[in-house]
Structure formats: C-alpha cells, structure tokens
Amino acid sequence: MTNKDKFKFILQQEVIYLSLSLLVALASLLNHDIYAAGRVFLYTALFFQLIILIMGWDVITKRNDKNIK
C-alpha cells in the first residue's frame, strides 16, 4: 500500500465519520440549544477520530509495497 492509498483510506474514513458527527449535532440542534449541539459535535467527532485511529492503525503503520529510493 503506497502513501497515496493510505491517505485516500484515511480521508474516506474522515469524510464518512465527520459527516455522521454533523448529523448527530444537527439532530441535537433540533432541541434549540446551539451550545449543546456544539458539544455533541465535538464529542462525537473526537470519538470517531479515536475509532479511525484504531481501525486505521494497521494501514498507517504498514510498510509501503514499493521501495522508494
């Protein structure tokens, strides 16, 4: 797996999980409390960042297939 493929994998994970965090925050915003919605977005985004790190750890630390000299 090249660095470009690793970047694409992590970027896809970021887009998916951050959009889910935004949806959760928007659902919280329906209660008309913008401060709570901001906190919910922050906490869910941090939680999903931890999930991305755990799931992508093998991808991130895997050596490249191509030996670049």
N, C-alpha and C. Protein backbone atom coordinates (compact mmCIF):
# COMPACT_ATOMS: atom_id res chain seq x y z
N MET A 1 0.85 -1.17 0.00
CA MET A 1 0.00 0.00 0.00
C MET A 1 0.90 1.24 0.00
N THR A 2 0.68 2.11 -0.95
CA THR A 2 1.50 3.30 -1.05
C THR A 2 0.96 4.38 -0.12
N ASN A 3 1.75 5.43 0.04
CA ASN A 3 1.32 6.54 0.90
C ASN A 3 0.05 7.19 0.36
N LYS A 4 -0.08 7.23 -0.97
CA LYS A 4 -1.27 7.81 -1.58
C LYS A 4 -2.51 7.00 -1.24
N ASP A 5 -2.39 5.66 -1.26
CA ASP A 5 -3.51 4.80 -0.90
C ASP A 5 -3.86 4.94 0.58
N LYS A 6 -2.84 5.07 1.41
CA LYS A 6 -3.08 5.27 2.84
C LYS A 6 -3.83 6.57 3.08
N PHE A 7 -3.42 7.62 2.38
CA PHE A 7 -4.08 8.91 2.51
C PHE A 7 -5.53 8.84 2.07
N LYS A 8 -5.78 8.15 0.95
CA LYS A 8 -7.14 8.01 0.45
C LYS A 8 -8.01 7.26 1.45
N PHE A 9 -7.47 6.21 2.07
CA PHE A 9 -8.23 5.43 3.04
C PHE A 9 -8.60 6.28 4.25
N ILE A 10 -7.63 7.01 4.78
CA ILE A 10 -7.88 7.84 5.96
C ILE A 10 -8.84 8.97 5.61
N LEU A 11 -8.70 9.57 4.44
CA LEU A 11 -9.58 10.65 4.02
C LEU A 11 -11.02 10.16 3.86
N GLN A 12 -11.20 8.97 3.31
CA GLN A 12 -12.54 8.41 3.19
C GLN A 12 -13.16 8.20 4.57
N GLN A 13 -12.37 7.70 5.50
CA GLN A 13 -12.87 7.50 6.86
C GLN A 13 -13.26 8.83 7.50
N GLU A 14 -12.44 9.84 7.30
CA GLU A 14 -12.73 11.16 7.86
C GLU A 14 -14.04 11.72 7.32
N VAL A 15 -14.25 11.61 6.02
CA VAL A 15 -15.46 12.15 5.40
C VAL A 15 -16.69 11.43 5.93
N ILE A 16 -16.61 10.12 6.03
CA ILE A 16 -17.76 9.34 6.50
C ILE A 16 -18.08 9.68 7.95
N TYR A 17 -17.09 9.63 8.82
CA TYR A 17 -17.35 9.78 10.24
C TYR A 17 -17.63 11.23 10.64
N LEU A 18 -16.98 12.18 9.99
CA LEU A 18 -17.29 13.57 10.33
C LEU A 18 -18.67 13.98 9.84
N SER A 19 -19.11 13.41 8.74
CA SER A 19 -20.48 13.70 8.32
C SER A 19 -21.49 13.07 9.27
N LEU A 20 -21.18 11.91 9.82
CA LEU A 20 -22.05 11.32 10.84
C LEU A 20 -22.08 12.19 12.10
N SER A 21 -20.94 12.74 12.47
CA SER A 21 -20.90 13.64 13.62
C SER A 21 -21.75 14.88 13.38
N LEU A 22 -21.71 15.39 12.18
CA LEU A 22 -22.51 16.55 11.83
C LEU A 22 -24.00 16.24 11.89
N LEU A 23 -24.38 15.06 11.44
CA LEU A 23 -25.79 14.66 11.52
C LEU A 23 -26.26 14.54 12.96
N VAL A 24 -25.41 14.00 13.83
CA VAL A 24 -25.76 13.89 15.25
C VAL A 24 -25.90 15.28 15.86
N ALA A 25 -25.01 16.18 15.50
CA ALA A 25 -25.10 17.55 16.03
C ALA A 25 -26.34 18.26 15.52
N LEU A 26 -26.70 18.05 14.27
CA LEU A 26 -27.91 18.67 13.73
C LEU A 26 -29.16 18.12 14.43
N ALA A 27 -29.14 16.84 14.74
CA ALA A 27 -30.26 16.26 15.49
C ALA A 27 -30.34 16.88 16.87
N SER A 28 -29.20 17.16 17.48
CA SER A 28 -29.18 17.81 18.79
C SER A 28 -29.62 19.27 18.68
N LEU A 29 -29.36 19.88 17.56
CA LEU A 29 -29.74 21.28 17.35
C LEU A 29 -31.26 21.44 17.27
N LEU A 30 -31.96 20.37 16.94
CA LEU A 30 -33.42 20.44 16.88
C LEU A 30 -34.02 20.74 18.25
N ASN A 31 -33.26 20.55 19.31
CA ASN A 31 -33.72 20.91 20.65
C ASN A 31 -33.52 22.41 20.91
N HIS A 32 -33.09 23.17 19.93
CA HIS A 32 -32.90 24.62 20.01
C HIS A 32 -31.83 25.02 21.03
N ASP A 33 -30.82 24.19 21.16
CA ASP A 33 -29.72 24.51 22.06
C ASP A 33 -28.41 24.39 21.28
N ILE A 34 -27.92 25.55 20.81
CA ILE A 34 -26.75 25.53 19.94
C ILE A 34 -25.48 25.15 20.71
N TYR A 35 -25.39 25.49 21.99
CA TYR A 35 -24.20 25.13 22.77
C TYR A 35 -24.12 23.62 22.99
N ALA A 36 -25.25 23.01 23.26
CA ALA A 36 -25.27 21.55 23.42
C ALA A 36 -24.95 20.87 22.09
N ALA A 37 -25.44 21.42 20.99
CA ALA A 37 -25.15 20.85 19.67
C ALA A 37 -23.65 20.94 19.37
N GLY A 38 -23.03 22.04 19.75
CA GLY A 38 -21.58 22.17 19.56
C GLY A 38 -20.81 21.16 20.38
N ARG A 39 -21.23 20.97 21.63
CA ARG A 39 -20.55 19.98 22.48
C ARG A 39 -20.75 18.57 21.95
N VAL A 40 -21.97 18.28 21.50
CA VAL A 40 -22.25 16.95 20.96
C VAL A 40 -21.40 16.70 19.71
N PHE A 41 -21.29 17.70 18.84
CA PHE A 41 -20.45 17.54 17.65
C PHE A 41 -19.00 17.32 18.04
N LEU A 42 -18.50 18.08 18.98
CA LEU A 42 -17.11 17.93 19.41
C LEU A 42 -16.85 16.55 19.99
N TYR A 43 -17.72 16.10 20.87
CA TYR A 43 -17.51 14.80 21.50
C TYR A 43 -17.65 13.65 20.52
N THR A 44 -18.64 13.72 19.62
CA THR A 44 -18.78 12.64 18.66
C THR A 44 -17.64 12.66 17.64
N ALA A 45 -17.18 13.85 17.27
CA ALA A 45 -16.04 13.92 16.34
C ALA A 45 -14.78 13.35 16.98
N LEU A 46 -14.55 13.66 18.24
CA LEU A 46 -13.39 13.09 18.94
C LEU A 46 -13.51 11.58 19.08
N PHE A 47 -14.71 11.10 19.38
CA PHE A 47 -14.93 9.67 19.48
C PHE A 47 -14.65 8.98 18.14
N PHE A 48 -15.15 9.55 17.05
CA PHE A 48 -14.92 8.96 15.74
C PHE A 48 -13.45 9.06 15.32
N GLN A 49 -12.74 10.10 15.77
CA GLN A 49 -11.30 10.19 15.48
C GLN A 49 -10.57 9.03 16.16
N LEU A 50 -10.98 8.70 17.35
CA LEU A 50 -10.39 7.56 18.05
C LEU A 50 -10.70 6.26 17.31
N ILE A 51 -11.92 6.12 16.82
CA ILE A 51 -12.30 4.93 16.05
C ILE A 51 -11.47 4.84 14.78
N ILE A 52 -11.28 5.96 14.09
CA ILE A 52 -10.48 5.98 12.86
C ILE A 52 -9.04 5.58 13.16
N LEU A 53 -8.50 6.07 14.25
CA LEU A 53 -7.13 5.73 14.62
C LEU A 53 -7.00 4.24 14.92
N ILE A 54 -7.96 3.69 15.64
CA ILE A 54 -7.90 2.26 15.96
C ILE A 54 -8.06 1.41 14.71
N MET A 55 -9.04 1.74 13.88
CA MET A 55 -9.28 0.95 12.66
C MET A 55 -8.17 1.12 11.64
N GLY A 56 -7.61 2.30 11.54
CA GLY A 56 -6.60 2.56 10.52
C GLY A 56 -5.17 2.36 10.97
N TRP A 57 -4.97 1.89 12.20
CA TRP A 57 -3.62 1.76 12.72
C TRP A 57 -2.78 0.82 11.86
N ASP A 58 -3.34 -0.32 11.45
CA ASP A 58 -2.61 -1.26 10.60
C ASP A 58 -2.28 -0.64 9.26
N VAL A 59 -3.21 0.13 8.72
CA VAL A 59 -2.98 0.77 7.42
C VAL A 59 -1.89 1.84 7.54
N ILE A 60 -1.95 2.61 8.62
CA ILE A 60 -0.99 3.70 8.80
C ILE A 60 0.42 3.16 9.00
N THR A 61 0.56 2.11 9.79
CA THR A 61 1.89 1.61 10.12
C THR A 61 2.42 0.58 9.14
N LYS A 62 1.60 0.15 8.18
CA LYS A 62 2.05 -0.84 7.20
C LYS A 62 3.13 -0.24 6.30
N ARG A 63 4.12 -1.04 6.02
CA ARG A 63 5.19 -0.57 5.14
C ARG A 63 4.69 -0.47 3.71
N ASN A 64 5.31 0.40 2.94
CA ASN A 64 4.93 0.59 1.54
C ASN A 64 5.31 -0.63 0.71
N ASP A 65 4.50 -0.91 -0.32
CA ASP A 65 4.80 -2.01 -1.23
C ASP A 65 6.00 -1.68 -2.12
N LYS A 66 6.09 -0.44 -2.49
CA LYS A 66 7.18 -0.01 -3.37
C LYS A 66 8.33 0.52 -2.54
N ASN A 67 9.52 0.11 -2.87
CA ASN A 67 10.69 0.65 -2.20
C ASN A 67 11.14 1.90 -2.93
N ILE A 68 10.93 3.04 -2.31
CA ILE A 68 11.29 4.31 -2.92
C ILE A 68 12.71 4.65 -2.46
N LYS A 69 13.58 4.88 -3.42
CA LYS A 69 14.98 5.18 -3.10
C LYS A 69 15.29 6.61 -3.37
